[in-house]
C-alpha atoms as a PDB file:
ATOM      1  CA  MET A   1     101.419 101.537  94.233  1.00  0.00           C
ATOM      2  CA  LYS A   2     100.258 102.768  97.600  1.00  0.00           C
ATOM      3  CA  PRO A   3      97.612 105.476  97.840  1.00  0.00           C
ATOM      4  CA  GLY A   4      99.362 108.829  97.716  1.00  0.00           C
ATOM      5  CA  SER A   5      99.146 111.583 100.270  1.00  0.00           C
ATOM      6  CA  ASP A   6      99.467 115.327  99.769  1.00  0.00           C
ATOM      7  CA  ASP A   7     100.691 116.266  96.322  1.00  0.00           C
ATOM      8  CA  ILE A   8     104.232 117.511  96.920  1.00  0.00           C
ATOM      9  CA  ASN A   9     105.234 117.098  93.288  1.00  0.00           C
ATOM     10  CA  THR A  10     103.304 119.988  91.791  1.00  0.00           C
ATOM     11  CA  LEU A  11     104.271 123.615  91.267  1.00  0.00           C
ATOM     12  CA  SER A  12     100.872 125.130  91.969  1.00  0.00           C
ATOM     13  CA  ARG A  13      99.121 128.346  91.118  1.00  0.00           C
ATOM     14  CA  ARG A  14      99.442 129.410  94.730  1.00  0.00           C
ATOM     15  CA  ASP A  15     103.206 128.935  94.657  1.00  0.00           C
ATOM     16  CA  LEU A  16     103.496 130.916  91.447  1.00  0.00           C
ATOM     17  CA  ILE A  17     101.461 133.941  92.475  1.00  0.00           C
ATOM     18  CA  ARG A  18     103.458 134.334  95.674  1.00  0.00           C
ATOM     19  CA  THR A  19     106.338 135.667  93.604  1.00  0.00           C
ATOM     20  CA  ALA A  20     106.771 138.514  91.134  1.00  0.00           C
ATOM     21  CA  GLY A  21     108.888 138.375  87.995  1.00  0.00           C
ATOM     22  CA  ALA A  22     110.242 135.476  85.973  1.00  0.00           C
ATOM     23  CA  GLY A  23     113.589 135.390  87.757  1.00  0.00           C
ATOM     24  CA  ALA A  24     111.913 135.052  91.132  1.00  0.00           C
ATOM     25  CA  LEU A  25     109.639 132.342  89.777  1.00  0.00           C
ATOM     26  CA  ALA A  26     112.647 130.376  88.595  1.00  0.00           C
ATOM     27  CA  GLY A  27     114.312 130.615  91.981  1.00  0.00           C
ATOM     28  CA  VAL A  28     111.220 129.402  93.807  1.00  0.00           C
ATOM     29  CA  GLY A  29     110.611 126.575  91.367  1.00  0.00           C
ATOM     30  CA  LEU A  30     114.152 125.287  91.517  1.00  0.00           C
ATOM     31  CA  ALA A  31     114.120 125.387  95.309  1.00  0.00           C
ATOM     32  CA  MET A  32     110.904 123.387  95.359  1.00  0.00           C
ATOM     33  CA  ALA A  33     112.303 120.852  92.921  1.00  0.00           C
ATOM     34  CA  GLY A  34     115.145 120.186  95.328  1.00  0.00           C
ATOM     35  CA  THR A  35     112.705 119.168  98.059  1.00  0.00           C
ATOM     36  CA  VAL A  36     110.811 116.532  96.115  1.00  0.00           C
ATOM     37  CA  THR A  37     111.077 113.035  97.586  1.00  0.00           C
ATOM     38  CA  SER A  38     108.241 111.213  95.840  1.00  0.00           C
ATOM     39  CA  ALA A  39     107.133 110.739  92.258  1.00  0.00           C
ATOM     40  CA  GLN A  40     103.677 109.354  92.996  1.00  0.00           C
ATOM     41  CA  GLU A  41     100.386 111.125  93.470  1.00  0.00           C
ATOM     42  CA  ARG A  42      96.673 110.448  93.521  1.00  0.00           C
ATOM     43  CA  THR A  43      94.382 111.821  90.854  1.00  0.00           C
ATOM     44  CA  GLY A  44      90.896 111.103  92.116  1.00  0.00           C
ATOM     45  CA  THR A  45      90.889 107.339  92.615  1.00  0.00           C
ATOM     46  CA  VAL A  46      93.727 106.763  90.137  1.00  0.00           C
ATOM     47  CA  ASP A  47      97.430 106.438  90.868  1.00  0.00           C
ATOM     48  CA  VAL A  48      99.758 108.372  88.597  1.00  0.00           C
ATOM     49  CA  GLU A  49     103.402 107.443  88.902  1.00  0.00           C
ATOM     50  CA  ARG A  50     106.072 109.605  87.292  1.00  0.00           C
ATOM     51  CA  HIS A  51     108.891 107.530  85.802  1.00  0.00           C
ATOM     52  CA  SER A  52     111.635 110.133  85.971  1.00  0.00           C
ATOM     53  CA  VAL A  53     115.127 109.563  84.590  1.00  0.00           C
ATOM     54  CA  GLU A  54     118.168 111.845  84.724  1.00  0.00           C
ATOM     55  CA  MET A  55     120.354 110.224  82.058  1.00  0.00           C
ATOM     56  CA  PRO A  56     121.123 111.348  79.460  1.00  0.00           C
ATOM     57  CA  PHE A  57     118.928 114.274  80.577  1.00  0.00           C
ATOM     58  CA  PRO A  58     115.842 114.825  82.766  1.00  0.00           C
ATOM     59  CA  LEU A  59     112.822 113.159  81.192  1.00  0.00           C
ATOM     60  CA  ASN A  60     109.474 111.760  82.335  1.00  0.00           C
ATOM     61  CA  ALA A  61     107.087 109.027  81.322  1.00  0.00           C
ATOM     62  CA  TYR A  62     103.969 108.189  83.333  1.00  0.00           C
ATOM     63  CA  VAL A  63     102.279 105.027  84.556  1.00  0.00           C
ATOM     64  CA  VAL A  64      98.561 105.462  85.211  1.00  0.00           C
ATOM     65  CA  GLU A  65      97.109 102.688  87.380  1.00  0.00           C
ATOM     66  CA  GLY A  66      93.390 101.942  87.197  1.00  0.00           C
ATOM     67  CA  GLU A  67      91.420  99.311  89.054  1.00  0.00           C
ATOM     68  CA  ASP A  68      92.444  96.420  86.843  1.00  0.00           C
ATOM     69  CA  GLY A  69      94.975  97.763  84.347  1.00  0.00           C
ATOM     70  CA  LEU A  70      97.623 100.277  83.426  1.00  0.00           C
ATOM     71  CA  VAL A  71      98.197 102.922  80.770  1.00  0.00           C
ATOM     72  CA  VAL A  72     101.628 104.414  80.087  1.00  0.00           C
ATOM     73  CA  VAL A  73     102.068 107.891  78.629  1.00  0.00           C
ATOM     74  CA  ASP A  74     105.254 108.311  76.543  1.00  0.00           C
ATOM     75  CA  ALA A  75     108.144 105.867  76.533  1.00  0.00           C
ATOM     76  CA  THR A  76     111.481 107.650  77.231  1.00  0.00           C
ATOM     77  CA  LEU A  77     114.562 107.709  75.006  1.00  0.00           C
ATOM     78  CA  THR A  78     117.200 105.114  75.876  1.00  0.00           C
ATOM     79  CA  ASN A  79     117.338 101.346  76.176  1.00  0.00           C
ATOM     80  CA  THR A  80     118.075 101.570  79.884  1.00  0.00           C
ATOM     81  CA  ALA A  81     115.262 104.006  80.679  1.00  0.00           C
ATOM     82  CA  SER A  82     112.604 102.240  78.602  1.00  0.00           C
ATOM     83  CA  ARG A  83     113.532  98.791  79.942  1.00  0.00           C
ATOM     84  CA  GLU A  84     113.341 100.154  83.478  1.00  0.00           C
ATOM     85  CA  LEU A  85     109.933 101.563  82.614  1.00  0.00           C
ATOM     86  CA  ARG A  86     108.790  98.146  81.369  1.00  0.00           C
ATOM     87  CA  ALA A  87     110.120  96.509  84.537  1.00  0.00           C
ATOM     88  CA  ARG A  88     108.198  99.047  86.599  1.00  0.00           C
ATOM     89  CA  VAL A  89     105.019  98.207  84.691  1.00  0.00           C
ATOM     90  CA  ASP A  90     105.550  94.455  85.066  1.00  0.00           C
ATOM     91  CA  GLY A  91     106.164  94.864  88.782  1.00  0.00           C
ATOM     92  CA  LEU A  92     102.703  96.299  89.342  1.00  0.00           C
ATOM     93  CA  GLY A  93     101.066  93.001  88.443  1.00  0.00           C
ATOM     94  CA  LYS A  94      98.344  94.496  86.261  1.00  0.00           C
ATOM     95  CA  PRO A  95      98.035  94.272  82.455  1.00  0.00           C
ATOM     96  CA  LEU A  96      99.275  97.141  80.351  1.00  0.00           C
ATOM     97  CA  ARG A  97      96.208  98.210  78.373  1.00  0.00           C
ATOM     98  CA  ALA A  98      97.703 100.876  76.120  1.00  0.00           C
ATOM     99  CA  VAL A  99     100.494 103.381  75.572  1.00  0.00           C
ATOM    100  CA  LEU A 100      99.727 107.005  74.677  1.00  0.00           C
ATOM    101  CA  LEU A 101     102.205 109.162  72.746  1.00  0.00           C
ATOM    102  CA  THR A 102     101.910 112.923  73.246  1.00  0.00           C
ATOM    103  CA  HIS A 103     104.145 114.173  70.411  1.00  0.00           C
ATOM    104  CA  PRO A 104     106.698 112.984  67.836  1.00  0.00           C
ATOM    105  CA  HIS A 105     110.044 113.753  69.499  1.00  0.00           C
ATOM    106  CA  PRO A 106     112.333 110.715  69.910  1.00  0.00           C
ATOM    107  CA  ASP A 107     112.875 111.174  73.643  1.00  0.00           C
ATOM    108  CA  HIS A 108     109.192 110.267  73.946  1.00  0.00           C
ATOM    109  CA  TYR A 109     108.744 107.560  71.288  1.00  0.00           C
ATOM    110  CA  ALA A 110     112.107 105.788  70.937  1.00  0.00           C
ATOM    111  CA  GLY A 111     111.484 103.460  73.900  1.00  0.00           C
ATOM    112  CA  LEU A 112     108.142 102.187  72.605  1.00  0.00           C
ATOM    113  CA  GLY A 113     109.651  98.939  71.310  1.00  0.00           C
ATOM    114  CA  ASN A 114     111.170  98.001  74.653  1.00  0.00           C
ATOM    115  CA  LEU A 115     108.087  99.093  76.562  1.00  0.00           C
ATOM    116  CA  THR A 116     105.689  96.996  74.488  1.00  0.00           C
ATOM    117  CA  GLU A 117     107.942  94.039  73.626  1.00  0.00           C
ATOM    118  CA  GLY A 118     105.889  90.838  73.424  1.00  0.00           C
ATOM    119  CA  LEU A 119     102.594  92.671  73.940  1.00  0.00           C
ATOM    120  CA  ASP A 120      99.744  93.129  71.484  1.00  0.00           C
ATOM    121  CA  ILE A 121      98.330  96.424  72.718  1.00  0.00           C
ATOM    122  CA  PRO A 122      97.332  99.744  71.191  1.00  0.00           C
ATOM    123  CA  ILE A 123      99.986 102.437  70.901  1.00  0.00           C
ATOM    124  CA  VAL A 124      97.834 105.513  70.502  1.00  0.00           C
ATOM    125  CA  SER A 125      98.511 108.971  69.074  1.00  0.00           C
ATOM    126  CA  LEU A 126      97.041 111.579  66.813  1.00  0.00           C
ATOM    127  CA  ALA A 127      97.447 110.636  63.162  1.00  0.00           C
ATOM    128  CA  SER A 128      99.730 113.632  62.599  1.00  0.00           C
ATOM    129  CA  VAL A 129     101.932 112.677  65.545  1.00  0.00           C
ATOM    130  CA  ASN A 130     102.289 109.191  64.102  1.00  0.00           C
ATOM    131  CA  ASP A 131     103.021 110.501  60.601  1.00  0.00           C
ATOM    132  CA  ILE A 132     105.697 112.944  61.789  1.00  0.00           C
ATOM    133  CA  ALA A 133     107.424 110.439  64.060  1.00  0.00           C
ATOM    134  CA  ARG A 134     107.669 107.970  61.163  1.00  0.00           C
ATOM    135  CA  ARG A 135     108.658 110.668  58.657  1.00  0.00           C
ATOM    136  CA  ASP A 136     111.519 112.052  60.740  1.00  0.00           C
ATOM    137  CA  ASP A 137     112.813 108.851  62.314  1.00  0.00           C
ATOM    138  CA  ALA A 138     115.560 108.212  59.746  1.00  0.00           C
ATOM    139  CA  GLU A 139     116.927 111.721  60.263  1.00  0.00           C
ATOM    140  CA  LYS A 140     116.770 111.331  64.047  1.00  0.00           C
ATOM    141  CA  ASP A 141     118.460 107.936  63.793  1.00  0.00           C
ATOM    142  CA  ALA A 142     121.356 109.384  61.808  1.00  0.00           C
ATOM    143  CA  VAL A 143     122.024 111.972  64.508  1.00  0.00           C
ATOM    144  CA  ILE A 144     121.117 110.217  67.750  1.00  0.00           C
ATOM    145  CA  SER A 145     122.660 106.819  67.050  1.00  0.00           C
ATOM    146  CA  SER A 146     126.121 108.365  67.022  1.00  0.00           C
ATOM    147  CA  MET A 147     125.377 110.311  70.209  1.00  0.00           C
ATOM    148  CA  PHE A 148     124.075 107.441  72.346  1.00  0.00           C
ATOM    149  CA  GLY A 149     125.495 104.326  70.711  1.00  0.00           C
ATOM    150  CA  GLU A 150     124.161 101.156  72.333  1.00  0.00           C
ATOM    151  CA  GLU A 151     121.669 103.162  74.383  1.00  0.00           C
ATOM    152  CA  TRP A 152     119.760 104.203  71.238  1.00  0.00           C
ATOM    153  CA  PRO A 153     116.964 101.647  70.677  1.00  0.00           C
ATOM    154  CA  ARG A 154     117.170  99.810  67.373  1.00  0.00           C
ATOM    155  CA  ASN A 155     113.773  98.141  67.876  1.00  0.00           C
ATOM    156  CA  ARG A 156     111.800 101.352  67.470  1.00  0.00           C
ATOM    157  CA  VAL A 157     108.095 100.999  66.790  1.00  0.00           C
ATOM    158  CA  PHE A 158     105.384 103.580  66.173  1.00  0.00           C
ATOM    159  CA  PRO A 159     101.725 104.084  67.001  1.00  0.00           C
ATOM    160  CA  ASN A 160      99.385 101.437  65.639  1.00  0.00           C
ATOM    161  CA  ASP A 161      96.146 103.204  66.560  1.00  0.00           C
ATOM    162  CA  THR A 162      95.335 106.824  65.743  1.00  0.00           C
ATOM    163  CA  VAL A 163      92.740 109.124  67.269  1.00  0.00           C
ATOM    164  CA  GLY A 164      91.364 112.604  66.707  1.00  0.00           C
ATOM    165  CA  ASP A 165      90.484 115.715  68.635  1.00  0.00           C
ATOM    166  CA  GLY A 166      87.743 115.105  71.197  1.00  0.00           C
ATOM    167  CA  ASP A 167      87.917 111.320  71.011  1.00  0.00           C
ATOM    168  CA  MET A 168      87.190 109.438  74.231  1.00  0.00           C
ATOM    169  CA  LEU A 169      89.505 106.548  75.145  1.00  0.00           C
ATOM    170  CA  ASP A 170      88.307 103.930  77.618  1.00  0.00           C
ATOM    171  CA  PHE A 171      90.795 101.326  78.830  1.00  0.00           C
ATOM    172  CA  GLY A 172      88.832 100.313  81.933  1.00  0.00           C
ATOM    173  CA  PRO A 173      87.914 101.840  85.295  1.00  0.00           C
ATOM    174  CA  GLY A 174      90.179 104.762  86.107  1.00  0.00           C
ATOM    175  CA  LEU A 175      91.718 104.721  82.629  1.00  0.00           C
ATOM    176  CA  ARG A 176      89.484 107.020  80.634  1.00  0.00           C
ATOM    177  CA  PHE A 177      91.004 109.854  78.620  1.00  0.00           C
ATOM    178  CA  THR A 178      89.885 112.640  76.302  1.00  0.00           C
ATOM    179  CA  VAL A 179      92.142 113.643  73.395  1.00  0.00           C
ATOM    180  CA  MET A 180      93.002 117.282  72.693  1.00  0.00           C
ATOM    181  CA  ASP A 181      94.646 118.072  69.334  1.00  0.00           C
ATOM    182  CA  VAL A 182      96.866 121.103  69.988  1.00  0.00           C
ATOM    183  CA  GLY A 183      98.517 121.225  66.581  1.00  0.00           C
ATOM    184  CA  PRO A 184     102.055 122.576  66.030  1.00  0.00           C
ATOM    185  CA  ALA A 185     103.503 123.982  69.259  1.00  0.00           C
ATOM    186  CA  GLU A 186     106.671 122.746  70.969  1.00  0.00           C
ATOM    187  CA  SER A 187     106.940 120.086  68.278  1.00  0.00           C
ATOM    188  CA  PHE A 188     105.541 119.863  64.768  1.00  0.00           C
ATOM    189  CA  HIS A 189     102.351 118.449  66.309  1.00  0.00           C
ATOM    190  CA  ASP A 190     101.321 118.197  69.948  1.00  0.00           C
ATOM    191  CA  SER A 191      98.476 116.623  71.855  1.00  0.00           C
ATOM    192  CA  ILE A 192      97.095 116.381  75.375  1.00  0.00           C
ATOM    193  CA  PHE A 193      95.462 113.404  77.052  1.00  0.00           C
ATOM    194  CA  VAL A 194      93.020 114.523  79.741  1.00  0.00           C
ATOM    195  CA  LEU A 195      92.491 111.926  82.462  1.00  0.00           C
ATOM    196  CA  GLU A 196      88.935 111.630  83.709  1.00  0.00           C
ATOM    197  CA  GLY A 197      88.450 111.612  87.456  1.00  0.00           C
ATOM    198  CA  SER A 198      87.359 113.653  90.418  1.00  0.00           C
ATOM    199  CA  ALA A 199      90.537 115.742  90.247  1.00  0.00           C
ATOM    200  CA  PRO A 200      91.345 117.297  86.838  1.00  0.00           C
ATOM    201  CA  ALA A 201      94.626 116.105  85.349  1.00  0.00           C
ATOM    202  CA  ALA A 202      96.231 115.975  81.925  1.00  0.00           C
ATOM    203  CA  PHE A 203      99.375 114.655  80.248  1.00  0.00           C
ATOM    204  CA  ILE A 204     100.717 117.468  78.094  1.00  0.00           C
ATOM    205  CA  GLY A 205     104.091 116.271  76.839  1.00  0.00           C
ATOM    206  CA  ASP A 206     106.472 119.189  76.302  1.00  0.00           C
ATOM    207  CA  LEU A 207     103.946 122.012  76.024  1.00  0.00           C
ATOM    208  CA  VAL A 208     105.427 123.221  79.313  1.00  0.00           C
ATOM    209  CA  TYR A 209     108.947 122.686  80.645  1.00  0.00           C
ATOM    210  CA  SER A 210     108.989 122.810  84.428  1.00  0.00           C
ATOM    211  CA  PHE A 211     111.853 125.279  85.047  1.00  0.00           C
ATOM    212  CA  MET A 212     114.076 123.747  82.392  1.00  0.00           C
ATOM    213  CA  HIS A 213     115.295 125.231  79.118  1.00  0.00           C
ATOM    214  CA  PRO A 214     113.001 124.086  76.297  1.00  0.00           C
ATOM    215  CA  TYR A 215     113.685 122.591  72.905  1.00  0.00           C
ATOM    216  CA  MET A 216     112.737 125.165  70.280  1.00  0.00           C
ATOM    217  CA  ALA A 217     114.706 123.895  67.277  1.00  0.00           C
ATOM    218  CA  ASP A 218     111.559 122.842  65.419  1.00  0.00           C
ATOM    219  CA  ASN A 219     111.136 126.610  64.994  1.00  0.00           C
ATOM    220  CA  THR A 220     107.427 126.658  65.839  1.00  0.00           C
ATOM    221  CA  ASN A 221     107.476 129.188  68.677  1.00  0.00           C
ATOM    222  CA  PRO A 222     104.725 131.412  67.196  1.00  0.00           C
ATOM    223  CA  GLU A 223     102.419 128.391  67.055  1.00  0.00           C
ATOM    224  CA  TRP A 224     103.518 127.383  70.565  1.00  0.00           C
ATOM    225  CA  LYS A 225     102.527 130.780  71.943  1.00  0.00           C
ATOM    226  CA  ARG A 226      99.145 130.565  70.225  1.00  0.00           C
ATOM    227  CA  ALA A 227      98.657 127.119  71.776  1.00  0.00           C
ATOM    228  CA  ILE A 228      99.539 128.490  75.200  1.00  0.00           C
ATOM    229  CA  GLY A 229      96.908 131.182  74.785  1.00  0.00           C
ATOM    230  CA  ARG A 230      94.308 128.565  73.956  1.00  0.00           C
ATOM    231  CA  LEU A 231      95.244 126.349  76.880  1.00  0.00           C
ATOM    232  CA  ARG A 232      95.234 129.238  79.341  1.00  0.00           C
ATOM    233  CA  SER A 233      91.622 129.920  78.373  1.00  0.00           C
ATOM    234  CA  GLU A 234      90.420 126.317  78.217  1.00  0.00           C
ATOM    235  CA  LEU A 235      92.114 124.358  81.007  1.00  0.00           C
ATOM    236  CA  PRO A 236      90.727 124.469  84.558  1.00  0.00           C
ATOM    237  CA  GLU A 237      93.035 126.491  86.794  1.00  0.00           C
ATOM    238  CA  ASP A 238      93.348 123.637  89.306  1.00  0.00           C
ATOM    239  CA  MET A 239      94.223 120.982  86.703  1.00  0.00           C
ATOM    240  CA  ILE A 240      97.442 119.049  87.309  1.00  0.00           C
ATOM    241  CA  LEU A 241      99.598 119.112  84.185  1.00  0.00           C
ATOM    242  CA  HIS A 242     101.972 116.162  83.945  1.00  0.00           C
ATOM    243  CA  VAL A 243     104.894 117.348  81.834  1.00  0.00           C
ATOM    244  CA  GLY A 244     107.653 115.661  79.876  1.00  0.00           C
ATOM    245  CA  HIS A 245     110.514 117.362  81.702  1.00  0.00           C
ATOM    246  CA  GLY A 246     110.355 118.296  85.367  1.00  0.00           C
ATOM    247  CA  LEU A 247     107.705 118.459  88.052  1.00  0.00           C
ATOM    248  CA  PRO A 248     103.972 118.649  87.386  1.00  0.00           C
ATOM    249  CA  VAL A 249     102.510 122.152  87.301  1.00  0.00           C
ATOM    250  CA  THR A 250      99.141 123.860  87.013  1.00  0.00           C
ATOM    251  CA  PRO A 251      97.915 126.027  84.110  1.00  0.00           C
ATOM    252  CA  ALA A 252      99.166 129.171  85.849  1.00  0.00           C
ATOM    253  CA  PHE A 253     102.640 128.037  84.814  1.00  0.00           C
ATOM    254  CA  LEU A 254     101.734 128.517  81.160  1.00  0.00           C
ATOM    255  CA  ALA A 255     102.332 132.236  81.684  1.00  0.00           C
ATOM    256  CA  TRP A 256     105.925 131.504  82.695  1.00  0.00           C
ATOM    257  CA  GLN A 257     106.449 129.354  79.610  1.00  0.00           C
ATOM    258  CA  GLU A 258     105.123 132.132  77.400  1.00  0.00           C
ATOM    259  CA  ALA A 259     107.414 134.628  79.154  1.00  0.00           C
ATOM    260  CA  TYR A 260     110.388 132.355  78.433  1.00  0.00           C
ATOM    261  CA  LEU A 261     109.536 132.244  74.729  1.00  0.00           C
ATOM    262  CA  ASP A 262     109.119 136.018  74.585  1.00  0.00           C
ATOM    263  CA  ARG A 263     112.418 136.581  76.392  1.00  0.00           C
ATOM    264  CA  PHE A 264     114.189 134.167  74.037  1.00  0.00           C
ATOM    265  CA  GLU A 265     112.957 136.008  70.968  1.00  0.00           C
ATOM    266  CA  ALA A 266     113.903 139.371  72.474  1.00  0.00           C
ATOM    267  CA  ALA A 267     117.387 138.074  73.305  1.00  0.00           C
ATOM    268  CA  ILE A 268     117.902 136.939  69.711  1.00  0.00           C
ATOM    269  CA  LYS A 269     116.820 140.334  68.366  1.00  0.00           C
ATOM    270  CA  ALA A 270     119.069 142.187  70.822  1.00  0.00           C
ATOM    271  CA  ALA A 271     122.218 140.212  69.963  1.00  0.00           C
ATOM    272  CA  ASP A 272     124.860 141.506  67.550  1.00  0.00           C
ATOM    273  CA  TRP A 273     124.703 139.049  64.667  1.00  0.00           C
ATOM    274  CA  SER A 274     127.724 140.471  62.882  1.00  0.00           C
ATOM    275  CA  ASP A 275     129.524 137.796  64.887  1.00  0.00           C
ATOM    276  CA  PRO A 276     127.174 134.775  65.085  1.00  0.00           C
ATOM    277  CA  GLU A 277     129.238 132.951  67.698  1.00  0.00           C
ATOM    278  CA  THR A 278     129.220 135.950  70.023  1.00  0.00           C
ATOM    279  CA  ALA A 279     125.521 136.489  69.350  1.00  0.00           C
ATOM    280  CA  GLN A 280     124.667 132.924  70.351  1.00  0.00           C
ATOM    281  CA  ALA A 281     126.712 133.254  73.534  1.00  0.00           C
ATOM    282  CA  ALA A 282     124.840 136.478  74.348  1.00  0.00           C
ATOM    283  CA  VAL A 283     121.493 134.717  73.971  1.00  0.00           C
ATOM    284  CA  VAL A 284     122.598 131.933  76.320  1.00  0.00           C
ATOM    285  CA  THR A 285     123.779 134.504  78.854  1.00  0.00           C
ATOM    286  CA  ASP A 286     120.483 136.336  78.717  1.00  0.00           C
ATOM    287  CA  MET A 287     118.382 133.194  79.030  1.00  0.00           C
ATOM    288  CA  THR A 288     120.398 131.779  81.911  1.00  0.00           C
ATOM    289  CA  ALA A 289     119.848 135.084  83.697  1.00  0.00           C
ATOM    290  CA  PHE A 290     116.121 134.559  83.155  1.00  0.00           C
ATOM    291  CA  LEU A 291     116.321 130.907  84.231  1.00  0.00           C
ATOM    292  CA  PRO A 292     119.472 130.301  86.320  1.00  0.00           C
ATOM    293  CA  SER A 293     119.759 126.589  85.595  1.00  0.00           C
ATOM    294  CA  ASP A 294     121.745 124.369  83.264  1.00  0.00           C
ATOM    295  CA  LYS A 295     118.987 121.756  83.009  1.00  0.00           C
ATOM    296  CA  LEU A 296     118.449 121.052  79.304  1.00  0.00           C
ATOM    297  CA  LEU A 297     120.675 123.988  78.435  1.00  0.00           C
ATOM    298  CA  PHE A 298     121.771 122.178  75.285  1.00  0.00           C
ATOM    299  CA  PHE A 299     118.126 122.297  74.101  1.00  0.00           C
ATOM    300  CA  LEU A 300     118.381 126.081  74.249  1.00  0.00           C
ATOM    301  CA  GLU A 301     121.739 126.094  72.466  1.00  0.00           C
ATOM    302  CA  GLN A 302     120.356 123.930  69.629  1.00  0.00           C
ATOM    303  CA  SER A 303     117.417 126.286  69.209  1.00  0.00           C
ATOM    304  CA  ILE A 304     119.153 129.638  68.741  1.00  0.00           C
ATOM    305  CA  LEU A 305     120.216 129.516  65.095  1.00  0.00           C
ATOM    306  CA  PRO A 306     116.936 128.138  63.674  1.00  0.00           C
ATOM    307  CA  ASN A 307     114.978 130.886  65.393  1.00  0.00           C
ATOM    308  CA  ALA A 308     117.514 133.567  64.470  1.00  0.00           C
ATOM    309  CA  ARG A 309     117.037 132.618  60.827  1.00  0.00           C
ATOM    310  CA  ARG A 310     113.250 132.746  61.197  1.00  0.00           C
ATOM    311  CA  LEU A 311     113.526 136.213  62.707  1.00  0.00           C
ATOM    312  CA  GLY A 312     115.769 137.394  59.868  1.00  0.00           C
ATOM    313  CA  MET A 313     118.802 137.991  62.073  1.00  0.00           C
ATOM    314  CA  THR A 314     121.154 135.657  60.220  1.00  0.00           C
ATOM    315  CA  ARG A 315     121.241 133.310  57.272  1.00  0.00           C
END
């Protein structure tokens, strides 16, 4: 990788506070996303390369390049995407020291087998992330294998090294991370890997969706909002947050994510659940008014009924 220049991939605090209201924020963010031409940036003296795929839906993994090695964060979903990620790693000519897994959703762990094929390296996660990924894999396999066919990896592997909150991970110069255990949030258990360096940066999985509709079908939105409150108080305001879906952001964007979750819950409560099909359509209409985009819209659609049941609106 070549040394990066100005960071044009990040939706910054400055960009966010220029606008007022969630709808305006969405319009600005989507316009900015359309101007992005690079997926590489510098974090201190470390290169961070975003491996972004669009099929079957927008999704990121990250390659962090230190002085004499690499660390990858998350592993994508499909055979094609994860093999391309491995080819990208091999092309850099430095050894892959480790893979870090942020949370137990299959679009982040399913490609681990292809990414690490033939390598004896640590695949690192919180113990709970590892346990949940293993626990739910058979259920995910039953659903996703029929959806993606030959693109669904059959050689799935799981973390082989677990860590805890506050642990320090050292994989060589430029590849030092601190673990944050977030607990249940977007998924049944989430974590953050904070990259040490002169510029604060962190890999936060799906704790924020960068102007895309989030997956909320795990039905943990109350815990997610509590996690957002914690992160808003603890993360430096100029930290770059590398997200699982979309462009990097700063912690100011956490307020937008919280507003999305609040709007979603309000839309469910406002719908007429005497006709569940009409009620679900009303929620989609309301949320696409809040965020006028179809990116990951099916995540939203999958999330309505579980949350409606939690809120007591339907059985």
